[in-house]
Amino acid sequence: ITPGTYSFLGAAAALCGVTKMTVSLVVIMFELT
């Protein structure tokens, strides 16, 4: 288990939940990692 990846995915989920960004958010998170 890599807890850091859960933190990364939790950040993406929370940002999507409040903004409803989808495709652009996936690309942003990919460019971050």
PDB file of all heavy atoms in Angstrom:
ATOM      1  N   ILE A   1       0.849  -1.196   0.000  1.00  0.00           N
ATOM      2  CA  ILE A   1       0.000   0.000   0.000  1.00  0.00           C
ATOM      3  C   ILE A   1       0.888   1.251   0.000  1.00  0.00           C
ATOM      4  O   ILE A   1       1.860   1.333   0.754  1.00  0.00           O
ATOM      5  CB  ILE A   1      -0.924   0.024   1.237  1.00  0.00           C
ATOM      6  CG1 ILE A   1      -1.743  -1.275   1.303  1.00  0.00           C
ATOM      7  CG2 ILE A   1      -1.844   1.237   1.187  1.00  0.00           C
ATOM      8  CD1 ILE A   1      -2.644  -1.502   0.111  1.00  0.00           C
ATOM      9  N   THR A   2       0.535   2.191  -0.846  1.00  0.00           N
ATOM     10  CA  THR A   2       1.232   3.482  -0.903  1.00  0.00           C
ATOM     11  C   THR A   2       0.266   4.566  -0.446  1.00  0.00           C
ATOM     12  O   THR A   2      -0.566   5.046  -1.235  1.00  0.00           O
ATOM     13  CB  THR A   2       1.726   3.783  -2.324  1.00  0.00           C
ATOM     14  OG1 THR A   2       2.518   2.691  -2.799  1.00  0.00           O
ATOM     15  CG2 THR A   2       2.563   5.057  -2.345  1.00  0.00           C
ATOM     16  N   PRO A   3       0.305   4.967   0.825  1.00  0.00           N
ATOM     17  CA  PRO A   3      -0.663   5.954   1.316  1.00  0.00           C
ATOM     18  C   PRO A   3      -0.616   7.282   0.560  1.00  0.00           C
ATOM     19  O   PRO A   3      -1.624   7.985   0.471  1.00  0.00           O
ATOM     20  CB  PRO A   3      -0.253   6.140   2.786  1.00  0.00           C
ATOM     21  CG  PRO A   3       0.470   4.887   3.143  1.00  0.00           C
ATOM     22  CD  PRO A   3       1.187   4.472   1.900  1.00  0.00           C
ATOM     23  N   GLY A   4       0.545   7.623   0.005  1.00  0.00           N
ATOM     24  CA  GLY A   4       0.644   8.873  -0.734  1.00  0.00           C
ATOM     25  C   GLY A   4      -0.278   8.929  -1.934  1.00  0.00           C
ATOM     26  O   GLY A   4      -0.817   9.999  -2.269  1.00  0.00           O
ATOM     27  N   THR A   5      -0.487   7.789  -2.596  1.00  0.00           N
ATOM     28  CA  THR A   5      -1.384   7.777  -3.753  1.00  0.00           C
ATOM     29  C   THR A   5      -2.835   7.965  -3.324  1.00  0.00           C
ATOM     30  O   THR A   5      -3.628   8.562  -4.061  1.00  0.00           O
ATOM     31  CB  THR A   5      -1.236   6.454  -4.524  1.00  0.00           C
ATOM     32  OG1 THR A   5      -1.572   5.349  -3.668  1.00  0.00           O
ATOM     33  CG2 THR A   5       0.185   6.281  -5.025  1.00  0.00           C
ATOM     34  N   TYR A   6      -3.187   7.468  -2.147  1.00  0.00           N
ATOM     35  CA  TYR A   6      -4.539   7.685  -1.637  1.00  0.00           C
ATOM     36  C   TYR A   6      -4.752   9.176  -1.353  1.00  0.00           C
ATOM     37  O   TYR A   6      -5.839   9.721  -1.597  1.00  0.00           O
ATOM     38  CB  TYR A   6      -4.753   6.876  -0.358  1.00  0.00           C
ATOM     39  CG  TYR A   6      -4.941   5.405  -0.587  1.00  0.00           C
ATOM     40  CD1 TYR A   6      -3.875   4.591  -0.938  1.00  0.00           C
ATOM     41  CD2 TYR A   6      -6.192   4.807  -0.462  1.00  0.00           C
ATOM     42  CE1 TYR A   6      -4.028   3.233  -1.156  1.00  0.00           C
ATOM     43  CE2 TYR A   6      -6.373   3.449  -0.673  1.00  0.00           C
ATOM     44  CZ  TYR A   6      -5.286   2.662  -1.023  1.00  0.00           C
ATOM     45  OH  TYR A   6      -5.461   1.330  -1.247  1.00  0.00           O
ATOM     46  N   SER A   7      -3.712   9.811  -0.817  1.00  0.00           N
ATOM     47  CA  SER A   7      -3.805  11.250  -0.577  1.00  0.00           C
ATOM     48  C   SER A   7      -3.971  12.002  -1.890  1.00  0.00           C
ATOM     49  O   SER A   7      -4.779  12.930  -1.995  1.00  0.00           O
ATOM     50  CB  SER A   7      -2.542  11.729   0.143  1.00  0.00           C
ATOM     51  OG  SER A   7      -2.591  13.107   0.394  1.00  0.00           O
ATOM     52  N   PHE A   8      -3.230  11.579  -2.895  1.00  0.00           N
ATOM     53  CA  PHE A   8      -3.316  12.198  -4.216  1.00  0.00           C
ATOM     54  C   PHE A   8      -4.714  12.037  -4.810  1.00  0.00           C
ATOM     55  O   PHE A   8      -5.321  12.991  -5.312  1.00  0.00           O
ATOM     56  CB  PHE A   8      -2.253  11.565  -5.114  1.00  0.00           C
ATOM     57  CG  PHE A   8      -2.452  11.774  -6.574  1.00  0.00           C
ATOM     58  CD1 PHE A   8      -2.119  12.971  -7.168  1.00  0.00           C
ATOM     59  CD2 PHE A   8      -2.965  10.759  -7.371  1.00  0.00           C
ATOM     60  CE1 PHE A   8      -2.288  13.171  -8.526  1.00  0.00           C
ATOM     61  CE2 PHE A   8      -3.142  10.943  -8.718  1.00  0.00           C
ATOM     62  CZ  PHE A   8      -2.803  12.155  -9.303  1.00  0.00           C
ATOM     63  N   LEU A   9      -5.276  10.824  -4.738  1.00  0.00           N
ATOM     64  CA  LEU A   9      -6.607  10.578  -5.276  1.00  0.00           C
ATOM     65  C   LEU A   9      -7.683  11.269  -4.445  1.00  0.00           C
ATOM     66  O   LEU A   9      -8.703  11.720  -4.987  1.00  0.00           O
ATOM     67  CB  LEU A   9      -6.871   9.069  -5.333  1.00  0.00           C
ATOM     68  CG  LEU A   9      -5.993   8.282  -6.309  1.00  0.00           C
ATOM     69  CD1 LEU A   9      -6.251   6.788  -6.173  1.00  0.00           C
ATOM     70  CD2 LEU A   9      -6.243   8.729  -7.741  1.00  0.00           C
ATOM     71  N   GLY A  10      -7.488  11.363  -3.141  1.00  0.00           N
ATOM     72  CA  GLY A  10      -8.440  12.092  -2.308  1.00  0.00           C
ATOM     73  C   GLY A  10      -8.480  13.565  -2.671  1.00  0.00           C
ATOM     74  O   GLY A  10      -9.561  14.180  -2.690  1.00  0.00           O
ATOM     75  N   ALA A  11      -7.308  14.143  -2.971  1.00  0.00           N
ATOM     76  CA  ALA A  11      -7.270  15.543  -3.404  1.00  0.00           C
ATOM     77  C   ALA A  11      -8.031  15.731  -4.708  1.00  0.00           C
ATOM     78  O   ALA A  11      -8.781  16.701  -4.872  1.00  0.00           O
ATOM     79  CB  ALA A  11      -5.819  15.994  -3.558  1.00  0.00           C
ATOM     80  N   ALA A  12      -7.854  14.806  -5.648  1.00  0.00           N
ATOM     81  CA  ALA A  12      -8.576  14.890  -6.921  1.00  0.00           C
ATOM     82  C   ALA A  12     -10.077  14.764  -6.708  1.00  0.00           C
ATOM     83  O   ALA A  12     -10.872  15.477  -7.328  1.00  0.00           O
ATOM     84  CB  ALA A  12      -8.079  13.801  -7.877  1.00  0.00           C
ATOM     85  N   ALA A  13     -10.489  13.853  -5.822  1.00  0.00           N
ATOM     86  CA  ALA A  13     -11.912  13.648  -5.561  1.00  0.00           C
ATOM     87  C   ALA A  13     -12.550  14.884  -4.943  1.00  0.00           C
ATOM     88  O   ALA A  13     -13.637  15.306  -5.342  1.00  0.00           O
ATOM     89  CB  ALA A  13     -12.099  12.437  -4.647  1.00  0.00           C
ATOM     90  N   ALA A  14     -11.884  15.476  -3.965  1.00  0.00           N
ATOM     91  CA  ALA A  14     -12.451  16.659  -3.314  1.00  0.00           C
ATOM     92  C   ALA A  14     -12.553  17.830  -4.288  1.00  0.00           C
ATOM     93  O   ALA A  14     -13.541  18.567  -4.290  1.00  0.00           O
ATOM     94  CB  ALA A  14     -11.602  17.042  -2.105  1.00  0.00           C
ATOM     95  N   LEU A  15     -11.533  18.008  -5.120  1.00  0.00           N
ATOM     96  CA  LEU A  15     -11.570  19.102  -6.091  1.00  0.00           C
ATOM     97  C   LEU A  15     -12.668  18.884  -7.124  1.00  0.00           C
ATOM     98  O   LEU A  15     -13.374  19.828  -7.508  1.00  0.00           O
ATOM     99  CB  LEU A  15     -10.210  19.233  -6.779  1.00  0.00           C
ATOM    100  CG  LEU A  15     -10.067  20.381  -7.778  1.00  0.00           C
ATOM    101  CD1 LEU A  15     -10.416  21.718  -7.136  1.00  0.00           C
ATOM    102  CD2 LEU A  15      -8.653  20.422  -8.353  1.00  0.00           C
ATOM    103  N   CYS A  16     -12.840  17.644  -7.562  1.00  0.00           N
ATOM    104  CA  CYS A  16     -13.925  17.336  -8.502  1.00  0.00           C
ATOM    105  C   CYS A  16     -15.284  17.556  -7.851  1.00  0.00           C
ATOM    106  O   CYS A  16     -16.211  18.078  -8.477  1.00  0.00           O
ATOM    107  CB  CYS A  16     -13.795  15.898  -8.987  1.00  0.00           C
ATOM    108  SG  CYS A  16     -15.175  15.337 -10.014  1.00  0.00           S
ATOM    109  N   GLY A  17     -15.406  17.187  -6.577  1.00  0.00           N
ATOM    110  CA  GLY A  17     -16.693  17.321  -5.901  1.00  0.00           C
ATOM    111  C   GLY A  17     -17.167  18.751  -5.792  1.00  0.00           C
ATOM    112  O   GLY A  17     -18.360  19.027  -5.922  1.00  0.00           O
ATOM    113  N   VAL A  18     -16.239  19.686  -5.603  1.00  0.00           N
ATOM    114  CA  VAL A  18     -16.643  21.074  -5.399  1.00  0.00           C
ATOM    115  C   VAL A  18     -16.700  21.863  -6.697  1.00  0.00           C
ATOM    116  O   VAL A  18     -17.411  22.864  -6.793  1.00  0.00           O
ATOM    117  CB  VAL A  18     -15.688  21.755  -4.391  1.00  0.00           C
ATOM    118  CG1 VAL A  18     -14.373  22.145  -5.044  1.00  0.00           C
ATOM    119  CG2 VAL A  18     -16.343  22.964  -3.754  1.00  0.00           C
ATOM    120  N   THR A  19     -15.957  21.433  -7.730  1.00  0.00           N
ATOM    121  CA  THR A  19     -15.942  22.169  -8.999  1.00  0.00           C
ATOM    122  C   THR A  19     -16.641  21.441 -10.129  1.00  0.00           C
ATOM    123  O   THR A  19     -16.961  22.052 -11.143  1.00  0.00           O
ATOM    124  CB  THR A  19     -14.498  22.460  -9.426  1.00  0.00           C
ATOM    125  OG1 THR A  19     -13.822  21.214  -9.695  1.00  0.00           O
ATOM    126  CG2 THR A  19     -13.758  23.240  -8.352  1.00  0.00           C
ATOM    127  N   LYS A  20     -16.817  20.120 -10.015  1.00  0.00           N
ATOM    128  CA  LYS A  20     -17.383  19.252 -11.049  1.00  0.00           C
ATOM    129  C   LYS A  20     -16.497  19.198 -12.302  1.00  0.00           C
ATOM    130  O   LYS A  20     -16.974  18.914 -13.394  1.00  0.00           O
ATOM    131  CB  LYS A  20     -18.803  19.698 -11.424  1.00  0.00           C
ATOM    132  CG  LYS A  20     -19.789  19.651 -10.262  1.00  0.00           C
ATOM    133  CD  LYS A  20     -19.928  18.245  -9.696  1.00  0.00           C
ATOM    134  CE  LYS A  20     -20.845  18.204  -8.493  1.00  0.00           C
ATOM    135  NZ  LYS A  20     -22.246  18.427  -8.820  1.00  0.00           N
ATOM    136  N   MET A  21     -15.209  19.483 -12.144  1.00  0.00           N
ATOM    137  CA  MET A  21     -14.260  19.293 -13.235  1.00  0.00           C
ATOM    138  C   MET A  21     -14.036  17.797 -13.436  1.00  0.00           C
ATOM    139  O   MET A  21     -14.000  17.040 -12.473  1.00  0.00           O
ATOM    140  CB  MET A  21     -12.926  19.983 -12.903  1.00  0.00           C
ATOM    141  CG  MET A  21     -12.997  21.484 -12.817  1.00  0.00           C
ATOM    142  SD  MET A  21     -11.545  22.212 -11.993  1.00  0.00           S
ATOM    143  CE  MET A  21     -10.204  21.532 -12.965  1.00  0.00           C
ATOM    144  N   THR A  22     -13.858  17.382 -14.682  1.00  0.00           N
ATOM    145  CA  THR A  22     -13.669  15.957 -14.961  1.00  0.00           C
ATOM    146  C   THR A  22     -12.421  15.724 -15.812  1.00  0.00           C
ATOM    147  O   THR A  22     -11.359  15.419 -15.296  1.00  0.00           O
ATOM    148  CB  THR A  22     -14.904  15.373 -15.662  1.00  0.00           C
ATOM    149  OG1 THR A  22     -15.230  16.178 -16.809  1.00  0.00           O
ATOM    150  CG2 THR A  22     -16.109  15.354 -14.728  1.00  0.00           C
ATOM    151  N   VAL A  23     -12.556  15.903 -17.119  1.00  0.00           N
ATOM    152  CA  VAL A  23     -11.442  15.611 -18.031  1.00  0.00           C
ATOM    153  C   VAL A  23     -10.249  16.496 -17.722  1.00  0.00           C
ATOM    154  O   VAL A  23      -9.100  16.025 -17.639  1.00  0.00           O
ATOM    155  CB  VAL A  23     -11.883  15.801 -19.495  1.00  0.00           C
ATOM    156  CG1 VAL A  23     -10.716  15.550 -20.447  1.00  0.00           C
ATOM    157  CG2 VAL A  23     -13.033  14.865 -19.836  1.00  0.00           C
ATOM    158  N   SER A  24     -10.472  17.783 -17.558  1.00  0.00           N
ATOM    159  CA  SER A  24      -9.365  18.690 -17.274  1.00  0.00           C
ATOM    160  C   SER A  24      -8.689  18.336 -15.953  1.00  0.00           C
ATOM    161  O   SER A  24      -7.464  18.450 -15.824  1.00  0.00           O
ATOM    162  CB  SER A  24      -9.864  20.137 -17.237  1.00  0.00           C
ATOM    163  OG  SER A  24     -10.895  20.302 -16.283  1.00  0.00           O
ATOM    164  N   LEU A  25      -9.448  17.869 -14.975  1.00  0.00           N
ATOM    165  CA  LEU A  25      -8.873  17.516 -13.680  1.00  0.00           C
ATOM    166  C   LEU A  25      -7.986  16.286 -13.801  1.00  0.00           C
ATOM    167  O   LEU A  25      -6.918  16.214 -13.189  1.00  0.00           O
ATOM    168  CB  LEU A  25      -9.985  17.280 -12.662  1.00  0.00           C
ATOM    169  CG  LEU A  25      -9.539  16.901 -11.249  1.00  0.00           C
ATOM    170  CD1 LEU A  25      -8.585  17.941 -10.686  1.00  0.00           C
ATOM    171  CD2 LEU A  25     -10.747  16.749 -10.327  1.00  0.00           C
ATOM    172  N   VAL A  26      -8.416  15.285 -14.587  1.00  0.00           N
ATOM    173  CA  VAL A  26      -7.588  14.097 -14.797  1.00  0.00           C
ATOM    174  C   VAL A  26      -6.246  14.487 -15.395  1.00  0.00           C
ATOM    175  O   VAL A  26      -5.183  14.016 -14.973  1.00  0.00           O
ATOM    176  CB  VAL A  26      -8.316  13.085 -15.701  1.00  0.00           C
ATOM    177  CG1 VAL A  26      -7.378  11.943 -16.091  1.00  0.00           C
ATOM    178  CG2 VAL A  26      -9.552  12.530 -15.009  1.00  0.00           C
ATOM    179  N   VAL A  27      -6.288  15.379 -16.385  1.00  0.00           N
ATOM    180  CA  VAL A  27      -5.047  15.803 -17.032  1.00  0.00           C
ATOM    181  C   VAL A  27      -4.182  16.603 -16.066  1.00  0.00           C
ATOM    182  O   VAL A  27      -2.951  16.430 -16.028  1.00  0.00           O
ATOM    183  CB  VAL A  27      -5.367  16.630 -18.296  1.00  0.00           C
ATOM    184  CG1 VAL A  27      -4.087  17.182 -18.913  1.00  0.00           C
ATOM    185  CG2 VAL A  27      -6.103  15.779 -19.311  1.00  0.00           C
ATOM    186  N   ILE A  28      -4.788  17.479 -15.274  1.00  0.00           N
ATOM    187  CA  ILE A  28      -4.023  18.256 -14.298  1.00  0.00           C
ATOM    188  C   ILE A  28      -3.323  17.328 -13.305  1.00  0.00           C
ATOM    189  O   ILE A  28      -2.127  17.490 -13.016  1.00  0.00           O
ATOM    190  CB  ILE A  28      -4.944  19.245 -13.558  1.00  0.00           C
ATOM    191  CG1 ILE A  28      -5.356  20.391 -14.486  1.00  0.00           C
ATOM    192  CG2 ILE A  28      -4.250  19.804 -12.315  1.00  0.00           C
ATOM    193  CD1 ILE A  28      -6.402  21.314 -13.889  1.00  0.00           C
ATOM    194  N   MET A  29      -4.035  16.347 -12.785  1.00  0.00           N
ATOM    195  CA  MET A  29      -3.438  15.435 -11.812  1.00  0.00           C
ATOM    196  C   MET A  29      -2.359  14.576 -12.456  1.00  0.00           C
ATOM    197  O   MET A  29      -1.345  14.256 -11.824  1.00  0.00           O
ATOM    198  CB  MET A  29      -4.520  14.546 -11.190  1.00  0.00           C
ATOM    199  CG  MET A  29      -5.640  15.298 -10.490  1.00  0.00           C
ATOM    200  SD  MET A  29      -5.086  16.523  -9.263  1.00  0.00           S
ATOM    201  CE  MET A  29      -4.485  15.465  -7.954  1.00  0.00           C
ATOM    202  N   PHE A  30      -2.556  14.231 -13.723  1.00  0.00           N
ATOM    203  CA  PHE A  30      -1.512  13.468 -14.422  1.00  0.00           C
ATOM    204  C   PHE A  30      -0.256  14.323 -14.604  1.00  0.00           C
ATOM    205  O   PHE A  30       0.874  13.849 -14.402  1.00  0.00           O
ATOM    206  CB  PHE A  30      -2.027  13.003 -15.782  1.00  0.00           C
ATOM    207  CG  PHE A  30      -0.932  12.557 -16.718  1.00  0.00           C
ATOM    208  CD1 PHE A  30      -0.199  11.417 -16.461  1.00  0.00           C
ATOM    209  CD2 PHE A  30      -0.627  13.305 -17.840  1.00  0.00           C
ATOM    210  CE1 PHE A  30       0.827  11.016 -17.315  1.00  0.00           C
ATOM    211  CE2 PHE A  30       0.383  12.915 -18.696  1.00  0.00           C
ATOM    212  CZ  PHE A  30       1.120  11.769 -18.439  1.00  0.00           C
ATOM    213  N   GLU A  31      -0.430  15.586 -14.972  1.00  0.00           N
ATOM    214  CA  GLU A  31       0.734  16.449 -15.158  1.00  0.00           C
ATOM    215  C   GLU A  31       1.430  16.749 -13.837  1.00  0.00           C
ATOM    216  O   GLU A  31       2.631  17.048 -13.823  1.00  0.00           O
ATOM    217  CB  GLU A  31       0.315  17.747 -15.845  1.00  0.00           C
ATOM    218  CG  GLU A  31      -0.097  17.559 -17.302  1.00  0.00           C
ATOM    219  CD  GLU A  31      -0.374  18.862 -18.015  1.00  0.00           C
ATOM    220  OE1 GLU A  31      -1.492  19.392 -17.836  1.00  0.00           O
ATOM    221  OE2 GLU A  31       0.499  19.349 -18.733  1.00  0.00           O
ATOM    222  N   LEU A  32       0.700  16.674 -12.737  1.00  0.00           N
ATOM    223  CA  LEU A  32       1.317  16.867 -11.425  1.00  0.00           C
ATOM    224  C   LEU A  32       2.210  15.695 -11.041  1.00  0.00           C
ATOM    225  O   LEU A  32       3.204  15.865 -10.334  1.00  0.00           O
ATOM    226  CB  LEU A  32       0.246  17.058 -10.357  1.00  0.00           C
ATOM    227  CG  LEU A  32      -0.407  18.438 -10.249  1.00  0.00           C
ATOM    228  CD1 LEU A  32      -1.529  18.414  -9.235  1.00  0.00           C
ATOM    229  CD2 LEU A  32       0.610  19.492  -9.877  1.00  0.00           C
ATOM    230  N   THR A  33       1.850  14.487 -11.473  1.00  0.00           N
ATOM    231  CA  THR A  33       2.565  13.290 -11.046  1.00  0.00           C
ATOM    232  C   THR A  33       3.412  12.679 -12.150  1.00  0.00           C
ATOM    233  O   THR A  33       4.452  12.087 -11.878  1.00  0.00           O
ATOM    234  CB  THR A  33       1.571  12.221 -10.554  1.00  0.00           C
ATOM    235  OG1 THR A  33       0.695  11.857 -11.630  1.00  0.00           O
ATOM    236  CG2 THR A  33       0.740  12.761  -9.417  1.00  0.00           C
TER     237      THR A  33
END
